[in-house]
Amino acid sequence: MTDNRTKVDAVLNTLNQIIVGKPHELKLIFSCFLADGHVLLEDLPGTGKTLLAQALSHVTGLEMKRVQGTNDLLPSDLIGTQVFSKQDETFRFIEGPVFTSLLLMDEINRMPPKSQSALLEAMEERRVTVGGEHRRLPVPFWVVATQNPYGQLGTFELPEAQLDRFLMSLSLGYPDRQSEAAILLGENKRDLLHKIAPVMSVDELMALRSAVAQVNLSENLVEYVLDLLQQTRFTDGFESGLSTRAAQSLLRAAQAWALIRGDNKVLPADIQEVFIPVAAHRLSGERHAVIAKLQAILDQVGVA
C-alpha cells in the first residue's frame, strides 16, 4: 500500500497547486475516479470546475474532450453519427466526443432531456448504440459533469436515472479568503497547468483502480451501511430512501477512500467521509436540506 500512497500523494499534491484551498474536495473527486465512478460538480460559474477537469486530465495523462451544454445540443453531437459515403456507397461512423477517457460535460443541465438521456448508456455500460450496433468506449471512461444551480435561466432538471449514474455529487464552493488572495496574486492557474508534468500514467491509474477492489470490507461494516440505508428509507422528507445500487456505490467509494489514506481495509470513518457525496443527489429535496438530514443520520446511526 505504501507505493500506492506515494502515487496518490503525487497526484493530489499536483492538483492542489492548481485548485487552491480545496484538498478535501480533490480527495473525494480522485477517490471517485479510483472507484470507477462519474462525478457531478454543482456550483455557480467561476468556481474552477472546468479547470479541475483539465487538471485531472493533465496529471493522469488521460485524453479529455469537452462538451458545452446548450439547449439545442443533439444526441448525435455527443455520441456521433453515421455518414453515407458516396465513394463506396457505405455508411461510415464518425465518433462523437463521448469517445474519450475523460469527458467534461460542462453545464449538463442546460442540455435538453433527450440529449441528457443519450449519456445514460455510455455512463452505465461504457458503450453507445448507433444504428443497432454497440460501440465500446475507451477504457477508462469517466464523466466529469458540471451543472449550475436549478432555477437559473435555461436549465433543465436532471432525471433521477441520470443522477443515479453519478457516483458522487459535490460542490467546490468559493475558496476561503486566504486561498482566494493567493489565486488573485499568483500565476494564472491555466498557465501553471501547462508547466506541470503529468505525474501518473494511464496504466498506473488503472492499477490503482484495480487495487481498490482488493480493499477489505468486513461484515460489520456492511451491517453499518445497511443501517444507514434503512434510516434514509424511514426519514421524513425523503420520498424514497437509498437503493441497493446506492449501497454498492457507497462501499466502492469507501474502498477508494481507504486506499487513498493508505489502508487495505475500510473503516466506519471511510463510510462517513463519502456518505453525503454519494447519497445527496440520490434523494429528493433541496440540496442543503438533504445534506443536513444525511448528517443527522450519520450522527444518529451507531457503528456496529
C-alpha atoms as a PDB file:
ATOM      1  CA  MET A   1       0.000   0.000   0.000  1.00  0.00           C
ATOM      2  CA  THR A   2       2.988   2.314   0.505  1.00  0.00           C
ATOM      3  CA  ASP A   3       3.687   2.535  -3.234  1.00  0.00           C
ATOM      4  CA  ASN A   4       0.017   3.271  -3.919  1.00  0.00           C
ATOM      5  CA  ARG A   5       0.018   6.010  -1.301  1.00  0.00           C
ATOM      6  CA  THR A   6       3.085   7.610  -2.907  1.00  0.00           C
ATOM      7  CA  LYS A   7       1.382   7.720  -6.314  1.00  0.00           C
ATOM      8  CA  VAL A   8      -1.833   9.076  -4.859  1.00  0.00           C
ATOM      9  CA  ASP A   9       0.003  11.782  -2.920  1.00  0.00           C
ATOM     10  CA  ALA A  10       1.828  12.851  -6.093  1.00  0.00           C
ATOM     11  CA  VAL A  11      -1.481  13.342  -7.899  1.00  0.00           C
ATOM     12  CA  LEU A  12      -3.157  15.180  -5.019  1.00  0.00           C
ATOM     13  CA  ASN A  13      -0.162  17.436  -4.361  1.00  0.00           C
ATOM     14  CA  THR A  14      -0.130  18.473  -8.012  1.00  0.00           C
ATOM     15  CA  LEU A  15      -3.876  19.059  -8.123  1.00  0.00           C
ATOM     16  CA  ASN A  16      -3.621  21.232  -5.017  1.00  0.00           C
ATOM     17  CA  GLN A  17      -1.227  23.523  -6.866  1.00  0.00           C
ATOM     18  CA  ILE A  18      -3.903  24.152  -9.499  1.00  0.00           C
ATOM     19  CA  ILE A  19      -7.092  24.119  -7.416  1.00  0.00           C
ATOM     20  CA  VAL A  20      -6.163  26.089  -4.323  1.00  0.00           C
ATOM     21  CA  GLY A  21      -7.754  25.589  -0.923  1.00  0.00           C
ATOM     22  CA  LYS A  22      -9.866  22.508  -1.746  1.00  0.00           C
ATOM     23  CA  PRO A  23      -7.815  19.492  -0.555  1.00  0.00           C
ATOM     24  CA  HIS A  24     -10.801  17.565   0.821  1.00  0.00           C
ATOM     25  CA  GLU A  25     -12.880  18.002  -2.334  1.00  0.00           C
ATOM     26  CA  LEU A  26      -9.942  16.932  -4.504  1.00  0.00           C
ATOM     27  CA  LYS A  27      -9.522  13.744  -2.460  1.00  0.00           C
ATOM     28  CA  LEU A  28     -13.210  12.966  -2.921  1.00  0.00           C
ATOM     29  CA  ILE A  29     -13.065  13.509  -6.674  1.00  0.00           C
ATOM     30  CA  PHE A  30      -9.934  11.403  -7.087  1.00  0.00           C
ATOM     31  CA  SER A  31     -11.440   8.645  -4.959  1.00  0.00           C
ATOM     32  CA  CYS A  32     -14.459   8.772  -7.275  1.00  0.00           C
ATOM     33  CA  PHE A  33     -12.167   8.109 -10.239  1.00  0.00           C
ATOM     34  CA  LEU A  34     -10.410   5.265  -8.462  1.00  0.00           C
ATOM     35  CA  ALA A  35     -13.813   3.759  -7.664  1.00  0.00           C
ATOM     36  CA  ASP A  36     -14.579   3.888 -11.419  1.00  0.00           C
ATOM     37  CA  GLY A  37     -17.355   6.415 -10.923  1.00  0.00           C
ATOM     38  CA  HIS A  38     -18.543   9.601 -12.565  1.00  0.00           C
ATOM     39  CA  VAL A  39     -18.714  12.869 -10.653  1.00  0.00           C
ATOM     40  CA  LEU A  40     -21.204  15.743 -10.766  1.00  0.00           C
ATOM     41  CA  LEU A  41     -19.999  19.190  -9.684  1.00  0.00           C
ATOM     42  CA  GLU A  42     -22.807  21.504  -8.648  1.00  0.00           C
ATOM     43  CA  ASP A  43     -21.646  25.111  -8.440  1.00  0.00           C
ATOM     44  CA  LEU A  44     -22.072  28.635  -9.698  1.00  0.00           C
ATOM     45  CA  PRO A  45     -19.946  29.622 -12.702  1.00  0.00           C
ATOM     46  CA  GLY A  46     -16.394  30.744 -11.934  1.00  0.00           C
ATOM     47  CA  THR A  47     -15.554  28.321  -9.118  1.00  0.00           C
ATOM     48  CA  GLY A  48     -12.956  26.309 -11.048  1.00  0.00           C
ATOM     49  CA  LYS A  49     -14.973  23.294 -12.211  1.00  0.00           C
ATOM     50  CA  THR A  50     -13.656  23.281 -15.781  1.00  0.00           C
ATOM     51  CA  LEU A  51     -10.095  23.934 -14.655  1.00  0.00           C
ATOM     52  CA  LEU A  52     -10.388  20.982 -12.268  1.00  0.00           C
ATOM     53  CA  ALA A  53     -11.319  18.606 -15.105  1.00  0.00           C
ATOM     54  CA  GLN A  54      -8.429  19.899 -17.174  1.00  0.00           C
ATOM     55  CA  ALA A  55      -6.070  19.381 -14.242  1.00  0.00           C
ATOM     56  CA  LEU A  56      -7.290  15.805 -13.714  1.00  0.00           C
ATOM     57  CA  SER A  57      -6.686  15.053 -17.369  1.00  0.00           C
ATOM     58  CA  HIS A  58      -3.235  16.607 -17.324  1.00  0.00           C
ATOM     59  CA  VAL A  59      -1.803  14.990 -14.197  1.00  0.00           C
ATOM     60  CA  THR A  60      -3.046  11.485 -15.103  1.00  0.00           C
ATOM     61  CA  GLY A  61      -2.331  11.542 -18.836  1.00  0.00           C
ATOM     62  CA  LEU A  62      -5.977  10.952 -19.759  1.00  0.00           C
ATOM     63  CA  GLU A  63      -7.324  12.210 -23.070  1.00  0.00           C
ATOM     64  CA  MET A  64     -10.059  14.761 -22.378  1.00  0.00           C
ATOM     65  CA  LYS A  65     -12.828  16.152 -24.541  1.00  0.00           C
ATOM     66  CA  ARG A  66     -15.250  18.877 -23.545  1.00  0.00           C
ATOM     67  CA  VAL A  67     -18.888  19.378 -24.479  1.00  0.00           C
ATOM     68  CA  GLN A  68     -20.671  22.618 -23.659  1.00  0.00           C
ATOM     69  CA  GLY A  69     -24.263  22.035 -22.673  1.00  0.00           C
ATOM     70  CA  THR A  70     -26.718  24.104 -24.718  1.00  0.00           C
ATOM     71  CA  ASN A  71     -30.454  23.858 -25.244  1.00  0.00           C
ATOM     72  CA  ASP A  72     -30.013  22.822 -28.884  1.00  0.00           C
ATOM     73  CA  LEU A  73     -27.440  20.061 -28.338  1.00  0.00           C
ATOM     74  CA  LEU A  74     -28.430  16.861 -30.151  1.00  0.00           C
ATOM     75  CA  PRO A  75     -27.672  13.282 -29.057  1.00  0.00           C
ATOM     76  CA  SER A  76     -25.597  12.841 -32.215  1.00  0.00           C
ATOM     77  CA  ASP A  77     -23.469  15.784 -31.101  1.00  0.00           C
ATOM     78  CA  LEU A  78     -22.383  13.587 -28.188  1.00  0.00           C
ATOM     79  CA  ILE A  79     -22.189  10.025 -29.438  1.00  0.00           C
ATOM     80  CA  GLY A  80     -21.550  10.534 -33.152  1.00  0.00           C
ATOM     81  CA  THR A  81     -23.419   9.766 -36.334  1.00  0.00           C
ATOM     82  CA  GLN A  82     -23.487   7.572 -39.425  1.00  0.00           C
ATOM     83  CA  VAL A  83     -22.368   9.365 -42.599  1.00  0.00           C
ATOM     84  CA  PHE A  84     -23.031   7.951 -46.056  1.00  0.00           C
ATOM     85  CA  SER A  85     -20.001   7.733 -48.315  1.00  0.00           C
ATOM     86  CA  LYS A  86     -20.892   8.177 -51.993  1.00  0.00           C
ATOM     87  CA  GLN A  87     -17.489   6.868 -52.988  1.00  0.00           C
ATOM     88  CA  ASP A  88     -18.032   3.303 -51.754  1.00  0.00           C
ATOM     89  CA  GLU A  89     -21.775   3.565 -51.044  1.00  0.00           C
ATOM     90  CA  THR A  90     -21.451   2.588 -47.387  1.00  0.00           C
ATOM     91  CA  PHE A  91     -22.162   4.258 -44.092  1.00  0.00           C
ATOM     92  CA  ARG A  92     -19.181   5.375 -42.028  1.00  0.00           C
ATOM     93  CA  PHE A  93     -19.434   6.126 -38.316  1.00  0.00           C
ATOM     94  CA  ILE A  94     -17.994   9.448 -37.162  1.00  0.00           C
ATOM     95  CA  GLU A  95     -17.218   9.289 -33.440  1.00  0.00           C
ATOM     96  CA  GLY A  96     -18.570  11.972 -31.172  1.00  0.00           C
ATOM     97  CA  PRO A  97     -16.732  13.476 -28.190  1.00  0.00           C
ATOM     98  CA  VAL A  98     -18.019  10.697 -25.896  1.00  0.00           C
ATOM     99  CA  PHE A  99     -15.212   8.553 -27.330  1.00  0.00           C
ATOM    100  CA  THR A 100     -12.564   9.714 -24.886  1.00  0.00           C
ATOM    101  CA  SER A 101     -11.187   8.736 -21.483  1.00  0.00           C
ATOM    102  CA  LEU A 102     -12.334  11.857 -19.631  1.00  0.00           C
ATOM    103  CA  LEU A 103     -15.476  13.592 -20.853  1.00  0.00           C
ATOM    104  CA  LEU A 104     -16.158  17.026 -19.418  1.00  0.00           C
ATOM    105  CA  MET A 105     -19.861  17.769 -19.722  1.00  0.00           C
ATOM    106  CA  ASP A 106     -19.987  21.462 -18.953  1.00  0.00           C
ATOM    107  CA  GLU A 107     -23.343  22.757 -17.715  1.00  0.00           C
ATOM    108  CA  ILE A 108     -25.043  19.422 -18.297  1.00  0.00           C
ATOM    109  CA  ASN A 109     -28.371  20.771 -17.076  1.00  0.00           C
ATOM    110  CA  ARG A 110     -28.517  23.244 -19.955  1.00  0.00           C
ATOM    111  CA  MET A 111     -28.882  20.266 -22.314  1.00  0.00           C
ATOM    112  CA  PRO A 112     -32.432  19.188 -23.240  1.00  0.00           C
ATOM    113  CA  PRO A 113     -33.630  15.915 -21.675  1.00  0.00           C
ATOM    114  CA  LYS A 114     -33.232  13.924 -24.906  1.00  0.00           C
ATOM    115  CA  SER A 115     -29.531  14.742 -25.054  1.00  0.00           C
ATOM    116  CA  GLN A 116     -29.071  14.097 -21.341  1.00  0.00           C
ATOM    117  CA  SER A 117     -30.526  10.640 -21.821  1.00  0.00           C
ATOM    118  CA  ALA A 118     -28.036   9.938 -24.608  1.00  0.00           C
ATOM    119  CA  LEU A 119     -25.387   9.702 -21.915  1.00  0.00           C
ATOM    120  CA  LEU A 120     -27.178   7.040 -19.873  1.00  0.00           C
ATOM    121  CA  GLU A 121     -25.905   4.026 -21.803  1.00  0.00           C
ATOM    122  CA  ALA A 122     -22.406   5.488 -22.056  1.00  0.00           C
ATOM    123  CA  MET A 123     -22.154   6.133 -18.326  1.00  0.00           C
ATOM    124  CA  GLU A 124     -23.613   2.814 -17.220  1.00  0.00           C
ATOM    125  CA  GLU A 125     -22.482   0.355 -19.889  1.00  0.00           C
ATOM    126  CA  ARG A 126     -19.375   2.155 -21.205  1.00  0.00           C
ATOM    127  CA  ARG A 127     -20.755   1.796 -24.713  1.00  0.00           C
ATOM    128  CA  VAL A 128     -23.113   3.522 -27.130  1.00  0.00           C
ATOM    129  CA  THR A 129     -25.545   2.086 -29.656  1.00  0.00           C
ATOM    130  CA  VAL A 130     -25.745   3.636 -33.107  1.00  0.00           C
ATOM    131  CA  GLY A 131     -27.742   2.107 -35.917  1.00  0.00           C
ATOM    132  CA  GLY A 132     -28.331  -1.016 -33.849  1.00  0.00           C
ATOM    133  CA  GLU A 133     -24.603  -1.594 -33.401  1.00  0.00           C
ATOM    134  CA  HIS A 134     -22.866  -1.445 -29.998  1.00  0.00           C
ATOM    135  CA  ARG A 135     -19.639   0.523 -29.895  1.00  0.00           C
ATOM    136  CA  ARG A 136     -17.362   0.254 -26.879  1.00  0.00           C
ATOM    137  CA  LEU A 137     -15.952   3.376 -25.292  1.00  0.00           C
ATOM    138  CA  PRO A 138     -12.288   3.735 -24.320  1.00  0.00           C
ATOM    139  CA  VAL A 139     -11.033   2.232 -21.059  1.00  0.00           C
ATOM    140  CA  PRO A 140     -11.078   4.060 -18.756  1.00  0.00           C
ATOM    141  CA  PHE A 141     -14.118   6.236 -19.417  1.00  0.00           C
ATOM    142  CA  TRP A 142     -15.115   8.824 -16.852  1.00  0.00           C
ATOM    143  CA  VAL A 143     -17.541  11.726 -16.936  1.00  0.00           C
ATOM    144  CA  VAL A 144     -16.994  14.926 -15.013  1.00  0.00           C
ATOM    145  CA  ALA A 145     -20.200  16.919 -15.371  1.00  0.00           C
ATOM    146  CA  THR A 146     -20.875  20.409 -14.105  1.00  0.00           C
ATOM    147  CA  GLN A 147     -24.240  21.963 -13.510  1.00  0.00           C
ATOM    148  CA  ASN A 148     -25.472  25.348 -12.421  1.00  0.00           C
ATOM    149  CA  PRO A 149     -27.999  25.683  -9.613  1.00  0.00           C
ATOM    150  CA  TYR A 150     -31.572  24.875 -10.628  1.00  0.00           C
ATOM    151  CA  GLY A 151     -33.723  27.877 -11.349  1.00  0.00           C
ATOM    152  CA  GLN A 152     -31.134  29.680 -13.455  1.00  0.00           C
ATOM    153  CA  LEU A 153     -32.409  30.663 -16.887  1.00  0.00           C
ATOM    154  CA  GLY A 154     -32.239  27.851 -19.451  1.00  0.00           C
ATOM    155  CA  THR A 155     -31.631  24.922 -17.100  1.00  0.00           C
ATOM    156  CA  PHE A 156     -33.370  21.524 -17.126  1.00  0.00           C
ATOM    157  CA  GLU A 157     -33.626  19.325 -14.054  1.00  0.00           C
ATOM    158  CA  LEU A 158     -31.637  16.103 -14.424  1.00  0.00           C
ATOM    159  CA  PRO A 159     -33.834  12.982 -14.290  1.00  0.00           C
ATOM    160  CA  GLU A 160     -33.360  10.545 -11.433  1.00  0.00           C
ATOM    161  CA  ALA A 161     -31.935   7.871 -13.736  1.00  0.00           C
ATOM    162  CA  GLN A 162     -29.266  10.307 -14.915  1.00  0.00           C
ATOM    163  CA  LEU A 163     -28.373  11.403 -11.392  1.00  0.00           C
ATOM    164  CA  ASP A 164     -28.037   7.797 -10.277  1.00  0.00           C
ATOM    165  CA  ARG A 165     -25.258   7.254 -12.837  1.00  0.00           C
ATOM    166  CA  PHE A 166     -23.037   9.651 -10.912  1.00  0.00           C
ATOM    167  CA  LEU A 167     -21.112   8.032  -8.088  1.00  0.00           C
ATOM    168  CA  MET A 168     -20.716  11.352  -6.280  1.00  0.00           C
ATOM    169  CA  SER A 169     -22.001  14.887  -6.398  1.00  0.00           C
ATOM    170  CA  LEU A 170     -20.283  17.708  -4.600  1.00  0.00           C
ATOM    171  CA  SER A 171     -19.605  21.411  -4.668  1.00  0.00           C
ATOM    172  CA  LEU A 172     -16.230  23.104  -4.793  1.00  0.00           C
ATOM    173  CA  GLY A 173     -17.724  26.306  -3.427  1.00  0.00           C
ATOM    174  CA  TYR A 174     -15.925  29.592  -3.038  1.00  0.00           C
ATOM    175  CA  PRO A 175     -12.323  29.476  -1.787  1.00  0.00           C
ATOM    176  CA  ASP A 176     -11.533  30.814   1.659  1.00  0.00           C
ATOM    177  CA  ARG A 177     -10.162  34.351   1.861  1.00  0.00           C
ATOM    178  CA  GLN A 178      -6.501  33.324   2.111  1.00  0.00           C
ATOM    179  CA  SER A 179      -6.759  30.926  -0.835  1.00  0.00           C
ATOM    180  CA  GLU A 180      -8.636  33.477  -2.926  1.00  0.00           C
ATOM    181  CA  ALA A 181      -5.936  36.057  -2.270  1.00  0.00           C
ATOM    182  CA  ALA A 182      -3.301  33.532  -3.374  1.00  0.00           C
ATOM    183  CA  ILE A 183      -5.267  32.937  -6.595  1.00  0.00           C
ATOM    184  CA  LEU A 184      -5.560  36.659  -7.326  1.00  0.00           C
ATOM    185  CA  LEU A 185      -1.915  37.419  -6.610  1.00  0.00           C
ATOM    186  CA  GLY A 186      -0.391  34.272  -8.078  1.00  0.00           C
ATOM    187  CA  GLU A 187       0.275  32.943 -11.548  1.00  0.00           C
ATOM    188  CA  ASN A 188      -2.657  32.182 -13.810  1.00  0.00           C
ATOM    189  CA  LYS A 189      -3.569  28.590 -12.974  1.00  0.00           C
ATOM    190  CA  ARG A 190      -4.150  27.599 -16.597  1.00  0.00           C
ATOM    191  CA  ASP A 191      -0.663  28.829 -17.450  1.00  0.00           C
ATOM    192  CA  LEU A 192       0.711  26.919 -14.472  1.00  0.00           C
ATOM    193  CA  LEU A 193      -1.103  23.777 -15.578  1.00  0.00           C
ATOM    194  CA  HIS A 194       0.877  23.628 -18.812  1.00  0.00           C
ATOM    195  CA  LYS A 195       4.163  23.902 -16.913  1.00  0.00           C
ATOM    196  CA  ILE A 196       3.467  20.892 -14.684  1.00  0.00           C
ATOM    197  CA  ALA A 197       4.399  17.457 -15.992  1.00  0.00           C
ATOM    198  CA  PRO A 198       1.974  14.531 -15.673  1.00  0.00           C
ATOM    199  CA  VAL A 199       2.693  12.566 -12.503  1.00  0.00           C
ATOM    200  CA  MET A 200       0.893   9.313 -13.305  1.00  0.00           C
ATOM    201  CA  SER A 201       0.448   7.203 -16.426  1.00  0.00           C
ATOM    202  CA  VAL A 202      -2.881   5.760 -17.510  1.00  0.00           C
ATOM    203  CA  ASP A 203      -1.538   2.263 -16.719  1.00  0.00           C
ATOM    204  CA  GLU A 204      -0.654   3.347 -13.167  1.00  0.00           C
ATOM    205  CA  LEU A 205      -4.097   4.885 -12.756  1.00  0.00           C
ATOM    206  CA  MET A 206      -5.741   1.666 -13.907  1.00  0.00           C
ATOM    207  CA  ALA A 207      -3.580  -0.336 -11.493  1.00  0.00           C
ATOM    208  CA  LEU A 208      -4.785   1.853  -8.637  1.00  0.00           C
ATOM    209  CA  ARG A 209      -8.366   1.349  -9.769  1.00  0.00           C
ATOM    210  CA  SER A 210      -7.834  -2.413  -9.673  1.00  0.00           C
ATOM    211  CA  ALA A 211      -6.314  -2.147  -6.194  1.00  0.00           C
ATOM    212  CA  VAL A 212      -9.494  -0.519  -4.872  1.00  0.00           C
ATOM    213  CA  ALA A 213     -11.424  -3.761  -5.308  1.00  0.00           C
ATOM    214  CA  GLN A 214      -8.888  -5.538  -3.074  1.00  0.00           C
ATOM    215  CA  VAL A 215      -9.522  -3.252  -0.088  1.00  0.00           C
ATOM    216  CA  ASN A 216     -11.190  -5.376   2.596  1.00  0.00           C
ATOM    217  CA  LEU A 217     -14.834  -4.968   3.619  1.00  0.00           C
ATOM    218  CA  SER A 218     -15.947  -6.593   6.882  1.00  0.00           C
ATOM    219  CA  GLU A 219     -19.407  -7.958   7.632  1.00  0.00           C
ATOM    220  CA  ASN A 220     -19.807  -5.442  10.455  1.00  0.00           C
ATOM    221  CA  LEU A 221     -19.085  -2.630   8.033  1.00  0.00           C
ATOM    222  CA  VAL A 222     -21.739  -3.886   5.614  1.00  0.00           C
ATOM    223  CA  GLU A 223     -24.203  -4.011   8.531  1.00  0.00           C
ATOM    224  CA  TYR A 224     -23.366  -0.377   9.284  1.00  0.00           C
ATOM    225  CA  VAL A 225     -24.096   0.581   5.676  1.00  0.00           C
ATOM    226  CA  LEU A 226     -27.408  -1.293   5.801  1.00  0.00           C
ATOM    227  CA  ASP A 227     -28.339   0.610   8.955  1.00  0.00           C
ATOM    228  CA  LEU A 228     -27.644   3.896   7.167  1.00  0.00           C
ATOM    229  CA  LEU A 229     -29.754   2.809   4.207  1.00  0.00           C
ATOM    230  CA  GLN A 230     -32.659   1.839   6.423  1.00  0.00           C
ATOM    231  CA  GLN A 231     -32.528   5.206   8.145  1.00  0.00           C
ATOM    232  CA  THR A 232     -32.829   7.063   4.808  1.00  0.00           C
ATOM    233  CA  ARG A 233     -35.865   4.921   3.951  1.00  0.00           C
ATOM    234  CA  PHE A 234     -37.717   5.965   7.104  1.00  0.00           C
ATOM    235  CA  THR A 235     -36.644   9.586   7.428  1.00  0.00           C
ATOM    236  CA  ASP A 236     -39.405  12.157   6.959  1.00  0.00           C
ATOM    237  CA  GLY A 237     -38.888  14.323   3.921  1.00  0.00           C
ATOM    238  CA  PHE A 238     -37.489  11.719   1.524  1.00  0.00           C
ATOM    239  CA  GLU A 239     -39.955  10.313  -0.999  1.00  0.00           C
ATOM    240  CA  SER A 240     -37.831   7.167  -1.109  1.00  0.00           C
ATOM    241  CA  GLY A 241     -34.584   6.135   0.527  1.00  0.00           C
ATOM    242  CA  LEU A 242     -31.294   4.932  -0.872  1.00  0.00           C
ATOM    243  CA  SER A 243     -31.319   1.893  -3.148  1.00  0.00           C
ATOM    244  CA  THR A 244     -29.156  -1.208  -3.155  1.00  0.00           C
ATOM    245  CA  ARG A 245     -27.233   0.327  -6.065  1.00  0.00           C
ATOM    246  CA  ALA A 246     -26.504   3.321  -3.843  1.00  0.00           C
ATOM    247  CA  ALA A 247     -25.170   0.978  -1.146  1.00  0.00           C
ATOM    248  CA  GLN A 248     -22.847  -0.642  -3.676  1.00  0.00           C
ATOM    249  CA  SER A 249     -21.641   2.796  -4.727  1.00  0.00           C
ATOM    250  CA  LEU A 250     -21.092   3.779  -1.110  1.00  0.00           C
ATOM    251  CA  LEU A 251     -18.949   0.723  -0.400  1.00  0.00           C
ATOM    252  CA  ARG A 252     -16.913   1.190  -3.568  1.00  0.00           C
ATOM    253  CA  ALA A 253     -16.287   4.845  -2.779  1.00  0.00           C
ATOM    254  CA  ALA A 254     -15.257   3.949   0.778  1.00  0.00           C
ATOM    255  CA  GLN A 255     -12.785   1.377  -0.545  1.00  0.00           C
ATOM    256  CA  ALA A 256     -11.225   4.070  -2.737  1.00  0.00           C
ATOM    257  CA  TRP A 257     -11.090   6.498   0.199  1.00  0.00           C
ATOM    258  CA  ALA A 258      -9.352   3.877   2.347  1.00  0.00           C
ATOM    259  CA  LEU A 259      -6.787   3.259  -0.394  1.00  0.00           C
ATOM    260  CA  ILE A 260      -6.116   6.983  -0.694  1.00  0.00           C
ATOM    261  CA  ARG A 261      -5.342   7.227   3.004  1.00  0.00           C
ATOM    262  CA  GLY A 262      -3.070   4.163   2.684  1.00  0.00           C
ATOM    263  CA  ASP A 263      -5.098   1.378   4.304  1.00  0.00           C
ATOM    264  CA  ASN A 264      -6.121  -2.044   2.998  1.00  0.00           C
ATOM    265  CA  LYS A 265      -9.396  -2.184   4.928  1.00  0.00           C
ATOM    266  CA  VAL A 266     -12.446   0.058   5.110  1.00  0.00           C
ATOM    267  CA  LEU A 267     -13.244   1.657   8.460  1.00  0.00           C
ATOM    268  CA  PRO A 268     -16.555   3.244   9.507  1.00  0.00           C
ATOM    269  CA  ALA A 269     -14.851   6.632   9.209  1.00  0.00           C
ATOM    270  CA  ASP A 270     -14.315   5.961   5.499  1.00  0.00           C
ATOM    271  CA  ILE A 271     -18.038   5.363   5.043  1.00  0.00           C
ATOM    272  CA  GLN A 272     -18.771   8.578   6.895  1.00  0.00           C
ATOM    273  CA  GLU A 273     -16.393  10.589   4.684  1.00  0.00           C
ATOM    274  CA  VAL A 274     -18.071   9.570   1.419  1.00  0.00           C
ATOM    275  CA  PHE A 275     -21.664   9.080   2.611  1.00  0.00           C
ATOM    276  CA  ILE A 276     -23.017  12.543   1.814  1.00  0.00           C
ATOM    277  CA  PRO A 277     -21.300  12.954  -1.608  1.00  0.00           C
ATOM    278  CA  VAL A 278     -22.590   9.515  -2.637  1.00  0.00           C
ATOM    279  CA  ALA A 279     -26.103   9.909  -1.216  1.00  0.00           C
ATOM    280  CA  ALA A 280     -27.182  13.540  -1.527  1.00  0.00           C
ATOM    281  CA  HIS A 281     -28.021  13.631  -5.247  1.00  0.00           C
ATOM    282  CA  ARG A 282     -29.959  10.362  -4.998  1.00  0.00           C
ATOM    283  CA  LEU A 283     -32.524  11.757  -2.561  1.00  0.00           C
ATOM    284  CA  SER A 284     -35.311  14.210  -3.239  1.00  0.00           C
ATOM    285  CA  GLY A 285     -35.353  17.692  -1.804  1.00  0.00           C
ATOM    286  CA  GLU A 286     -33.410  20.930  -1.737  1.00  0.00           C
ATOM    287  CA  ARG A 287     -29.689  20.096  -1.589  1.00  0.00           C
ATOM    288  CA  HIS A 288     -28.821  21.918   1.631  1.00  0.00           C
ATOM    289  CA  ALA A 289     -31.791  20.357   3.428  1.00  0.00           C
ATOM    290  CA  VAL A 290     -30.891  16.883   2.141  1.00  0.00           C
ATOM    291  CA  ILE A 291     -27.300  17.270   3.322  1.00  0.00           C
ATOM    292  CA  ALA A 292     -28.492  18.370   6.759  1.00  0.00           C
ATOM    293  CA  LYS A 293     -30.728  15.289   7.052  1.00  0.00           C
ATOM    294  CA  LEU A 294     -27.915  12.983   5.943  1.00  0.00           C
ATOM    295  CA  GLN A 295     -25.581  14.483   8.516  1.00  0.00           C
ATOM    296  CA  ALA A 296     -28.250  13.894  11.164  1.00  0.00           C
ATOM    297  CA  ILE A 297     -28.464  10.256  10.046  1.00  0.00           C
ATOM    298  CA  LEU A 298     -24.688   9.883  10.410  1.00  0.00           C
ATOM    299  CA  ASP A 299     -24.953  11.343  13.918  1.00  0.00           C
ATOM    300  CA  GLN A 300     -27.826   9.007  14.886  1.00  0.00           C
ATOM    301  CA  VAL A 301     -26.718   5.667  13.486  1.00  0.00           C
ATOM    302  CA  GLY A 302     -24.224   3.857  15.657  1.00  0.00           C
ATOM    303  CA  VAL A 303     -21.360   1.774  14.350  1.00  0.00           C
ATOM    304  CA  ALA A 304     -21.975  -1.971  14.608  1.00  0.00           C
END
